[in-house]
Amino acid sequence: MTLVYPVAVEAAEGNPMSDGLRYKRVLLKISGEALLGTQPFGIDDKMVDRLSREIGEAVALGVKVGLVVGGGNIFRGMKIAAAGGNRVAGDHMGMLATVMNAIALHEGLERAGVPARIFSAIPLPTICETFTQQRAEGAMKRGRVVVFAGGTGNPFFTTDSGAALRAAEMSCDALFKGTQVDGVYSADPRKDPKATRYQRVSHDEMLAKGLEVMDAAAVALARDNRIPVIVFSIHEPGAFVDILRGAGRGTVVSDG
């Protein structure tokens, strides 16, 4: 059964359901690994559908959503560099992996009745639109989920940096980073049982302490544009919407 969310109205501006929301225009960054689900490789349609439904719930509340997805479930450019190959070629292959994931998420959103559009940083006109801020802004204002593919379009930059860049370009209230754990910790909690979870931390503290939730370029870009970063577990069903409503569990990275 297809679930249809009331998002086609031009829409969420002035939506009474948006009253009380902590953030009303957000960029959600999902790792490629999140799309694995229980699989060792590729894309798990069940995970795509679950994420699409939750994004649809956010849109129905009146939240404008941009979406960036990584490509690590398919290919990582750093693997070529680590093996002594051409880093630029490897990163280009990684960008194409993000496009494949973006197409999968676009289809999942459409199945859930959530209108969406893909914009790629690298020109692929047969498959999707090439990113321009003006067209992406127009789509977001019309209540579409805007799926950003291709990272920044440049090698040597991660999709985290791409997410921070798009969050700044789209004037987002916050950058949501869905990870494997439920916030920012002093160490990897999966390896160190004594690791401490931060409720709140500043961008500068995150950089100074080397807390490796996002790469330094992405954190600095978010800091310079005064964009809070909310780190939460992408594997916790409903966590994204819960945090939008002011509840949920995660870490806020903010200087405010």
C-alpha atoms as a PDB file:
ATOM      1  CA  MET A   1       0.000   0.000   0.000  1.00  0.00           C
ATOM      2  CA  THR A   2       1.327   3.441  -0.896  1.00  0.00           C
ATOM      3  CA  LEU A   3       1.326   5.992   1.890  1.00  0.00           C
ATOM      4  CA  VAL A   4       0.532   9.471   0.658  1.00  0.00           C
ATOM      5  CA  TYR A   5       1.696  12.417   2.703  1.00  0.00           C
ATOM      6  CA  PRO A   6       0.111  15.876   2.376  1.00  0.00           C
ATOM      7  CA  VAL A   7       3.171  17.532   0.915  1.00  0.00           C
ATOM      8  CA  ALA A   8       2.111  18.695  -2.515  1.00  0.00           C
ATOM      9  CA  VAL A   9       0.695  21.927  -1.185  1.00  0.00           C
ATOM     10  CA  GLU A  10       3.125  24.747  -1.636  1.00  0.00           C
ATOM     11  CA  ALA A  11       3.119  23.736   1.333  1.00  0.00           C
ATOM     12  CA  ALA A  12       4.781  23.793   4.488  1.00  0.00           C
ATOM     13  CA  GLU A  13       5.139  27.539   4.877  1.00  0.00           C
ATOM     14  CA  GLY A  14       2.514  28.463   7.418  1.00  0.00           C
ATOM     15  CA  ASN A  15       1.599  24.831   8.073  1.00  0.00           C
ATOM     16  CA  PRO A  16       0.045  24.820  11.575  1.00  0.00           C
ATOM     17  CA  MET A  17       1.575  21.381  12.166  1.00  0.00           C
ATOM     18  CA  SER A  18       5.011  23.021  12.035  1.00  0.00           C
ATOM     19  CA  ASP A  19       4.341  25.062  15.189  1.00  0.00           C
ATOM     20  CA  GLY A  20       6.650  23.967  17.973  1.00  0.00           C
ATOM     21  CA  LEU A  21       9.178  22.299  15.679  1.00  0.00           C
ATOM     22  CA  ARG A  22      12.762  22.994  16.665  1.00  0.00           C
ATOM     23  CA  TYR A  23      13.987  23.035  13.052  1.00  0.00           C
ATOM     24  CA  LYS A  24      11.939  23.803   9.943  1.00  0.00           C
ATOM     25  CA  ARG A  25      14.513  23.610   7.118  1.00  0.00           C
ATOM     26  CA  VAL A  26      17.096  20.878   7.438  1.00  0.00           C
ATOM     27  CA  LEU A  27      19.731  18.953   5.557  1.00  0.00           C
ATOM     28  CA  LEU A  28      19.796  15.246   6.399  1.00  0.00           C
ATOM     29  CA  LYS A  29      23.079  13.435   5.718  1.00  0.00           C
ATOM     30  CA  ILE A  30      22.828   9.643   5.461  1.00  0.00           C
ATOM     31  CA  SER A  31      25.873   7.436   5.013  1.00  0.00           C
ATOM     32  CA  GLY A  32      25.918   4.935   2.205  1.00  0.00           C
ATOM     33  CA  GLU A  33      26.446   2.220   4.811  1.00  0.00           C
ATOM     34  CA  ALA A  34      23.036   3.048   6.305  1.00  0.00           C
ATOM     35  CA  LEU A  35      21.419   1.753   3.120  1.00  0.00           C
ATOM     36  CA  LEU A  36      23.018  -1.665   3.570  1.00  0.00           C
ATOM     37  CA  GLY A  37      20.444  -2.689   6.146  1.00  0.00           C
ATOM     38  CA  THR A  38      21.321  -6.287   6.953  1.00  0.00           C
ATOM     39  CA  GLN A  39      23.146  -6.841   3.657  1.00  0.00           C
ATOM     40  CA  PRO A  40      26.939  -6.974   3.219  1.00  0.00           C
ATOM     41  CA  PHE A  41      26.815  -4.909   0.012  1.00  0.00           C
ATOM     42  CA  GLY A  42      24.430  -2.771  -2.013  1.00  0.00           C
ATOM     43  CA  ILE A  43      21.024  -1.340  -1.161  1.00  0.00           C
ATOM     44  CA  ASP A  44      18.379  -2.821   1.125  1.00  0.00           C
ATOM     45  CA  ASP A  45      14.947  -1.740  -0.147  1.00  0.00           C
ATOM     46  CA  LYS A  46      13.444  -2.227   3.323  1.00  0.00           C
ATOM     47  CA  MET A  47      15.876   0.315   4.769  1.00  0.00           C
ATOM     48  CA  VAL A  48      15.211   2.718   1.903  1.00  0.00           C
ATOM     49  CA  ASP A  49      11.458   2.436   2.476  1.00  0.00           C
ATOM     50  CA  ARG A  50      11.787   2.980   6.228  1.00  0.00           C
ATOM     51  CA  LEU A  51      13.920   6.085   5.765  1.00  0.00           C
ATOM     52  CA  SER A  52      11.562   7.382   3.076  1.00  0.00           C
ATOM     53  CA  ARG A  53       8.542   7.020   5.353  1.00  0.00           C
ATOM     54  CA  GLU A  54      10.290   8.895   8.158  1.00  0.00           C
ATOM     55  CA  ILE A  55      11.358  11.683   5.832  1.00  0.00           C
ATOM     56  CA  GLY A  56       7.744  11.830   4.627  1.00  0.00           C
ATOM     57  CA  GLU A  57       6.586  12.266   8.238  1.00  0.00           C
ATOM     58  CA  ALA A  58       8.944  15.221   8.613  1.00  0.00           C
ATOM     59  CA  VAL A  59       7.696  16.822   5.397  1.00  0.00           C
ATOM     60  CA  ALA A  60       4.075  16.323   6.464  1.00  0.00           C
ATOM     61  CA  LEU A  61       4.875  18.256   9.654  1.00  0.00           C
ATOM     62  CA  GLY A  62       5.982  21.208   7.559  1.00  0.00           C
ATOM     63  CA  VAL A  63       9.734  20.642   7.491  1.00  0.00           C
ATOM     64  CA  LYS A  64      11.681  21.445   4.335  1.00  0.00           C
ATOM     65  CA  VAL A  65      14.138  18.591   3.792  1.00  0.00           C
ATOM     66  CA  GLY A  66      17.304  18.347   1.749  1.00  0.00           C
ATOM     67  CA  LEU A  67      19.046  14.983   1.608  1.00  0.00           C
ATOM     68  CA  VAL A  68      22.666  13.996   0.976  1.00  0.00           C
ATOM     69  CA  VAL A  69      23.689  10.343   0.819  1.00  0.00           C
ATOM     70  CA  GLY A  70      27.152   8.826   0.742  1.00  0.00           C
ATOM     71  CA  GLY A  71      28.312   5.965  -1.447  1.00  0.00           C
ATOM     72  CA  GLY A  72      30.250   3.701   0.910  1.00  0.00           C
ATOM     73  CA  ASN A  73      27.836   0.798   0.502  1.00  0.00           C
ATOM     74  CA  ILE A  74      28.905   0.585  -3.142  1.00  0.00           C
ATOM     75  CA  PHE A  75      32.337   2.136  -3.514  1.00  0.00           C
ATOM     76  CA  ARG A  76      34.875   4.249  -1.622  1.00  0.00           C
ATOM     77  CA  GLY A  77      37.391   6.274  -3.593  1.00  0.00           C
ATOM     78  CA  MET A  78      39.885   6.108  -0.722  1.00  0.00           C
ATOM     79  CA  LYS A  79      40.297   2.376  -1.371  1.00  0.00           C
ATOM     80  CA  ILE A  80      41.953   3.128  -4.695  1.00  0.00           C
ATOM     81  CA  ALA A  81      44.206   5.749  -3.094  1.00  0.00           C
ATOM     82  CA  ALA A  82      45.157   3.339  -0.292  1.00  0.00           C
ATOM     83  CA  ALA A  83      46.156   0.774  -2.902  1.00  0.00           C
ATOM     84  CA  GLY A  84      48.383   3.315  -4.648  1.00  0.00           C
ATOM     85  CA  GLY A  85      45.938   4.217  -7.409  1.00  0.00           C
ATOM     86  CA  ASN A  86      44.661   7.528  -8.738  1.00  0.00           C
ATOM     87  CA  ARG A  87      42.739   9.290  -5.936  1.00  0.00           C
ATOM     88  CA  VAL A  88      40.930  11.554  -8.406  1.00  0.00           C
ATOM     89  CA  ALA A  89      39.620   8.608 -10.430  1.00  0.00           C
ATOM     90  CA  GLY A  90      38.618   6.847  -7.222  1.00  0.00           C
ATOM     91  CA  ASP A  91      36.703   9.868  -5.969  1.00  0.00           C
ATOM     92  CA  HIS A  92      34.899  10.172  -9.299  1.00  0.00           C
ATOM     93  CA  MET A  93      33.797   6.555  -8.942  1.00  0.00           C
ATOM     94  CA  GLY A  94      32.621   7.303  -5.406  1.00  0.00           C
ATOM     95  CA  MET A  95      30.570  10.253  -6.690  1.00  0.00           C
ATOM     96  CA  LEU A  96      28.812   7.939  -9.131  1.00  0.00           C
ATOM     97  CA  ALA A  97      28.029   5.589  -6.236  1.00  0.00           C
ATOM     98  CA  THR A  98      26.247   8.481  -4.463  1.00  0.00           C
ATOM     99  CA  VAL A  99      24.168   9.043  -7.593  1.00  0.00           C
ATOM    100  CA  MET A 100      23.025   5.409  -7.537  1.00  0.00           C
ATOM    101  CA  ASN A 101      22.034   5.758  -3.884  1.00  0.00           C
ATOM    102  CA  ALA A 102      20.248   9.036  -4.616  1.00  0.00           C
ATOM    103  CA  ILE A 103      18.193   7.324  -7.336  1.00  0.00           C
ATOM    104  CA  ALA A 104      17.256   4.544  -4.883  1.00  0.00           C
ATOM    105  CA  LEU A 105      16.148   7.070  -2.252  1.00  0.00           C
ATOM    106  CA  HIS A 106      14.241   9.096  -4.843  1.00  0.00           C
ATOM    107  CA  GLU A 107      12.331   5.972  -5.843  1.00  0.00           C
ATOM    108  CA  GLY A 108      11.689   5.119  -2.193  1.00  0.00           C
ATOM    109  CA  LEU A 109      10.318   8.587  -1.530  1.00  0.00           C
ATOM    110  CA  GLU A 110       8.068   8.423  -4.581  1.00  0.00           C
ATOM    111  CA  ARG A 111       6.765   5.004  -3.475  1.00  0.00           C
ATOM    112  CA  ALA A 112       5.881   6.591  -0.147  1.00  0.00           C
ATOM    113  CA  GLY A 113       4.009   9.406  -1.885  1.00  0.00           C
ATOM    114  CA  VAL A 114       6.662  12.008  -1.062  1.00  0.00           C
ATOM    115  CA  PRO A 115       7.528  14.217  -4.068  1.00  0.00           C
ATOM    116  CA  ALA A 116      11.287  14.489  -4.567  1.00  0.00           C
ATOM    117  CA  ARG A 117      13.859  15.748  -7.064  1.00  0.00           C
ATOM    118  CA  ILE A 118      17.486  14.785  -7.577  1.00  0.00           C
ATOM    119  CA  PHE A 119      20.177  17.374  -8.234  1.00  0.00           C
ATOM    120  CA  SER A 120      23.683  16.162  -9.042  1.00  0.00           C
ATOM    121  CA  ALA A 121      26.885  18.145  -8.576  1.00  0.00           C
ATOM    122  CA  ILE A 122      28.261  16.387 -11.665  1.00  0.00           C
ATOM    123  CA  PRO A 123      26.283  16.814 -14.903  1.00  0.00           C
ATOM    124  CA  LEU A 124      24.258  13.668 -15.702  1.00  0.00           C
ATOM    125  CA  PRO A 125      21.372  15.134 -17.705  1.00  0.00           C
ATOM    126  CA  THR A 126      19.986  11.782 -18.860  1.00  0.00           C
ATOM    127  CA  ILE A 127      19.539  10.704 -15.232  1.00  0.00           C
ATOM    128  CA  CYS A 128      18.911  13.818 -13.138  1.00  0.00           C
ATOM    129  CA  GLU A 129      19.178  17.586 -13.033  1.00  0.00           C
ATOM    130  CA  THR A 130      22.478  19.365 -12.561  1.00  0.00           C
ATOM    131  CA  PHE A 131      22.591  21.264  -9.285  1.00  0.00           C
ATOM    132  CA  THR A 132      21.953  24.984  -9.203  1.00  0.00           C
ATOM    133  CA  GLN A 133      21.041  26.735  -5.991  1.00  0.00           C
ATOM    134  CA  GLN A 134      18.144  28.555  -7.630  1.00  0.00           C
ATOM    135  CA  ARG A 135      16.418  25.431  -8.965  1.00  0.00           C
ATOM    136  CA  ALA A 136      17.007  23.476  -5.778  1.00  0.00           C
ATOM    137  CA  GLU A 137      15.582  26.344  -3.745  1.00  0.00           C
ATOM    138  CA  GLY A 138      12.502  26.431  -5.952  1.00  0.00           C
ATOM    139  CA  ALA A 139      11.938  22.695  -5.511  1.00  0.00           C
ATOM    140  CA  MET A 140      12.344  22.928  -1.752  1.00  0.00           C
ATOM    141  CA  LYS A 141       9.898  25.824  -1.512  1.00  0.00           C
ATOM    142  CA  ARG A 142       7.332  23.719  -3.377  1.00  0.00           C
ATOM    143  CA  GLY A 143       7.589  21.029  -0.685  1.00  0.00           C
ATOM    144  CA  ARG A 144       9.810  18.583  -2.570  1.00  0.00           C
ATOM    145  CA  VAL A 145      12.495  16.599  -0.809  1.00  0.00           C
ATOM    146  CA  VAL A 146      15.640  17.730  -2.598  1.00  0.00           C
ATOM    147  CA  VAL A 147      18.126  14.854  -2.984  1.00  0.00           C
ATOM    148  CA  PHE A 148      21.674  16.067  -3.581  1.00  0.00           C
ATOM    149  CA  ALA A 149      23.998  13.623  -5.354  1.00  0.00           C
ATOM    150  CA  GLY A 150      27.621  13.697  -6.460  1.00  0.00           C
ATOM    151  CA  GLY A 151      29.099  15.227  -3.304  1.00  0.00           C
ATOM    152  CA  THR A 152      30.629  18.625  -4.041  1.00  0.00           C
ATOM    153  CA  GLY A 153      31.463  17.547  -7.585  1.00  0.00           C
ATOM    154  CA  ASN A 154      35.173  17.729  -6.738  1.00  0.00           C
ATOM    155  CA  PRO A 155      37.694  15.085  -5.644  1.00  0.00           C
ATOM    156  CA  PHE A 156      39.336  15.228  -2.200  1.00  0.00           C
ATOM    157  CA  PHE A 157      36.085  16.312  -0.510  1.00  0.00           C
ATOM    158  CA  THR A 158      33.841  13.942   1.430  1.00  0.00           C
ATOM    159  CA  THR A 159      30.062  13.767   1.269  1.00  0.00           C
ATOM    160  CA  ASP A 160      30.080  15.272   4.786  1.00  0.00           C
ATOM    161  CA  SER A 161      31.627  18.374   3.252  1.00  0.00           C
ATOM    162  CA  GLY A 162      29.042  18.184   0.481  1.00  0.00           C
ATOM    163  CA  ALA A 163      26.294  18.074   3.100  1.00  0.00           C
ATOM    164  CA  ALA A 164      27.666  21.098   4.965  1.00  0.00           C
ATOM    165  CA  LEU A 165      28.004  22.984   1.687  1.00  0.00           C
ATOM    166  CA  ARG A 166      24.430  22.250   0.605  1.00  0.00           C
ATOM    167  CA  ALA A 167      23.126  23.110   4.086  1.00  0.00           C
ATOM    168  CA  ALA A 168      24.769  26.521   3.786  1.00  0.00           C
ATOM    169  CA  GLU A 169      23.566  27.084   0.217  1.00  0.00           C
ATOM    170  CA  MET A 170      19.988  26.161   1.135  1.00  0.00           C
ATOM    171  CA  SER A 171      19.990  28.315   4.314  1.00  0.00           C
ATOM    172  CA  CYS A 172      19.170  25.310   6.502  1.00  0.00           C
ATOM    173  CA  ASP A 173      18.423  25.646  10.211  1.00  0.00           C
ATOM    174  CA  ALA A 174      20.433  22.514  10.969  1.00  0.00           C
ATOM    175  CA  LEU A 175      22.498  19.717   9.484  1.00  0.00           C
ATOM    176  CA  PHE A 176      21.371  16.280  10.694  1.00  0.00           C
ATOM    177  CA  LYS A 177      24.039  13.583  10.544  1.00  0.00           C
ATOM    178  CA  GLY A 178      22.652  10.050  10.804  1.00  0.00           C
ATOM    179  CA  THR A 179      25.386   7.751  12.111  1.00  0.00           C
ATOM    180  CA  GLN A 180      25.931   4.270  13.507  1.00  0.00           C
ATOM    181  CA  VAL A 181      25.688   5.552  17.115  1.00  0.00           C
ATOM    182  CA  ASP A 182      23.358   7.905  18.982  1.00  0.00           C
ATOM    183  CA  GLY A 183      25.553  10.978  19.237  1.00  0.00           C
ATOM    184  CA  VAL A 184      29.091  12.262  19.608  1.00  0.00           C
ATOM    185  CA  TYR A 185      31.266  10.268  22.012  1.00  0.00           C
ATOM    186  CA  SER A 186      34.716  10.845  23.497  1.00  0.00           C
ATOM    187  CA  ALA A 187      35.764   7.601  21.769  1.00  0.00           C
ATOM    188  CA  ASP A 188      34.116   4.950  19.636  1.00  0.00           C
ATOM    189  CA  PRO A 189      31.524   3.428  22.024  1.00  0.00           C
ATOM    190  CA  ARG A 190      31.534   0.223  20.003  1.00  0.00           C
ATOM    191  CA  LYS A 191      35.179  -0.265  20.953  1.00  0.00           C
ATOM    192  CA  ASP A 192      35.508   1.603  24.259  1.00  0.00           C
ATOM    193  CA  PRO A 193      32.839   0.858  26.898  1.00  0.00           C
ATOM    194  CA  LYS A 194      34.077   3.869  28.928  1.00  0.00           C
ATOM    195  CA  ALA A 195      33.360   6.338  26.121  1.00  0.00           C
ATOM    196  CA  THR A 196      31.294   9.348  27.217  1.00  0.00           C
ATOM    197  CA  ARG A 197      28.443  10.726  25.133  1.00  0.00           C
ATOM    198  CA  TYR A 198      28.219  14.505  24.774  1.00  0.00           C
ATOM    199  CA  GLN A 199      24.805  16.139  25.032  1.00  0.00           C
ATOM    200  CA  ARG A 200      26.163  19.323  23.487  1.00  0.00           C
ATOM    201  CA  VAL A 201      29.561  20.318  22.142  1.00  0.00           C
ATOM    202  CA  SER A 202      30.796  23.322  20.162  1.00  0.00           C
ATOM    203  CA  HIS A 203      32.172  23.135  16.639  1.00  0.00           C
ATOM    204  CA  ASP A 204      35.586  24.288  17.929  1.00  0.00           C
ATOM    205  CA  GLU A 205      35.607  21.657  20.689  1.00  0.00           C
ATOM    206  CA  MET A 206      34.754  18.996  18.142  1.00  0.00           C
ATOM    207  CA  LEU A 207      37.716  20.063  16.016  1.00  0.00           C
ATOM    208  CA  ALA A 208      40.121  20.513  18.930  1.00  0.00           C
ATOM    209  CA  LYS A 209      39.298  17.126  20.476  1.00  0.00           C
ATOM    210  CA  GLY A 210      39.448  15.339  17.137  1.00  0.00           C
ATOM    211  CA  LEU A 211      35.969  13.876  17.524  1.00  0.00           C
ATOM    212  CA  GLU A 212      35.738  12.040  14.224  1.00  0.00           C
ATOM    213  CA  VAL A 213      32.019  12.122  13.538  1.00  0.00           C
ATOM    214  CA  MET A 214      32.448  14.442  10.552  1.00  0.00           C
ATOM    215  CA  ASP A 215      35.553  15.531   8.718  1.00  0.00           C
ATOM    216  CA  ALA A 216      37.172  18.783   9.814  1.00  0.00           C
ATOM    217  CA  ALA A 217      36.286  20.670   6.621  1.00  0.00           C
ATOM    218  CA  ALA A 218      32.577  19.917   7.107  1.00  0.00           C
ATOM    219  CA  VAL A 219      32.617  20.962  10.779  1.00  0.00           C
ATOM    220  CA  ALA A 220      34.464  24.199   9.965  1.00  0.00           C
ATOM    221  CA  LEU A 221      32.038  25.025   7.152  1.00  0.00           C
ATOM    222  CA  ALA A 222      29.060  24.450   9.458  1.00  0.00           C
ATOM    223  CA  ARG A 223      30.695  26.582  12.157  1.00  0.00           C
ATOM    224  CA  ASP A 224      31.472  29.457   9.806  1.00  0.00           C
ATOM    225  CA  ASN A 225      27.867  29.499   8.590  1.00  0.00           C
ATOM    226  CA  ARG A 226      26.427  29.112  12.107  1.00  0.00           C
ATOM    227  CA  ILE A 227      24.709  25.843  11.279  1.00  0.00           C
ATOM    228  CA  PRO A 228      24.177  23.457  14.216  1.00  0.00           C
ATOM    229  CA  VAL A 229      24.962  19.798  13.527  1.00  0.00           C
ATOM    230  CA  ILE A 230      22.714  17.199  15.150  1.00  0.00           C
ATOM    231  CA  VAL A 231      24.299  13.759  15.384  1.00  0.00           C
ATOM    232  CA  PHE A 232      21.908  10.851  15.967  1.00  0.00           C
ATOM    233  CA  SER A 233      21.513   7.149  15.234  1.00  0.00           C
ATOM    234  CA  ILE A 234      20.075   6.477  11.793  1.00  0.00           C
ATOM    235  CA  HIS A 235      19.282   2.945  12.993  1.00  0.00           C
ATOM    236  CA  GLU A 236      16.830   4.151  15.651  1.00  0.00           C
ATOM    237  CA  PRO A 237      13.378   4.221  13.989  1.00  0.00           C
ATOM    238  CA  GLY A 238      11.697   7.591  14.386  1.00  0.00           C
ATOM    239  CA  ALA A 239      14.762   9.364  15.797  1.00  0.00           C
ATOM    240  CA  PHE A 240      14.878  11.979  13.032  1.00  0.00           C
ATOM    241  CA  VAL A 241      11.281  13.114  13.562  1.00  0.00           C
ATOM    242  CA  ASP A 242      11.577  12.890  17.349  1.00  0.00           C
ATOM    243  CA  ILE A 243      14.495  15.330  17.348  1.00  0.00           C
ATOM    244  CA  LEU A 244      12.660  17.699  15.004  1.00  0.00           C
ATOM    245  CA  ARG A 245       9.881  17.770  17.608  1.00  0.00           C
ATOM    246  CA  GLY A 246      12.325  18.603  20.400  1.00  0.00           C
ATOM    247  CA  ALA A 247      12.663  15.102  21.851  1.00  0.00           C
ATOM    248  CA  GLY A 248      14.809  12.132  20.848  1.00  0.00           C
ATOM    249  CA  ARG A 249      18.422  11.305  21.611  1.00  0.00           C
ATOM    250  CA  GLY A 250      21.467  12.821  19.972  1.00  0.00           C
ATOM    251  CA  THR A 251      24.262  15.368  20.290  1.00  0.00           C
ATOM    252  CA  VAL A 252      23.919  19.008  19.278  1.00  0.00           C
ATOM    253  CA  VAL A 253      27.090  20.562  17.863  1.00  0.00           C
ATOM    254  CA  SER A 254      26.562  24.293  18.167  1.00  0.00           C
ATOM    255  CA  ASP A 255      28.281  27.461  19.301  1.00  0.00           C
ATOM    256  CA  GLY A 256      24.956  28.987  20.406  1.00  0.00           C
END
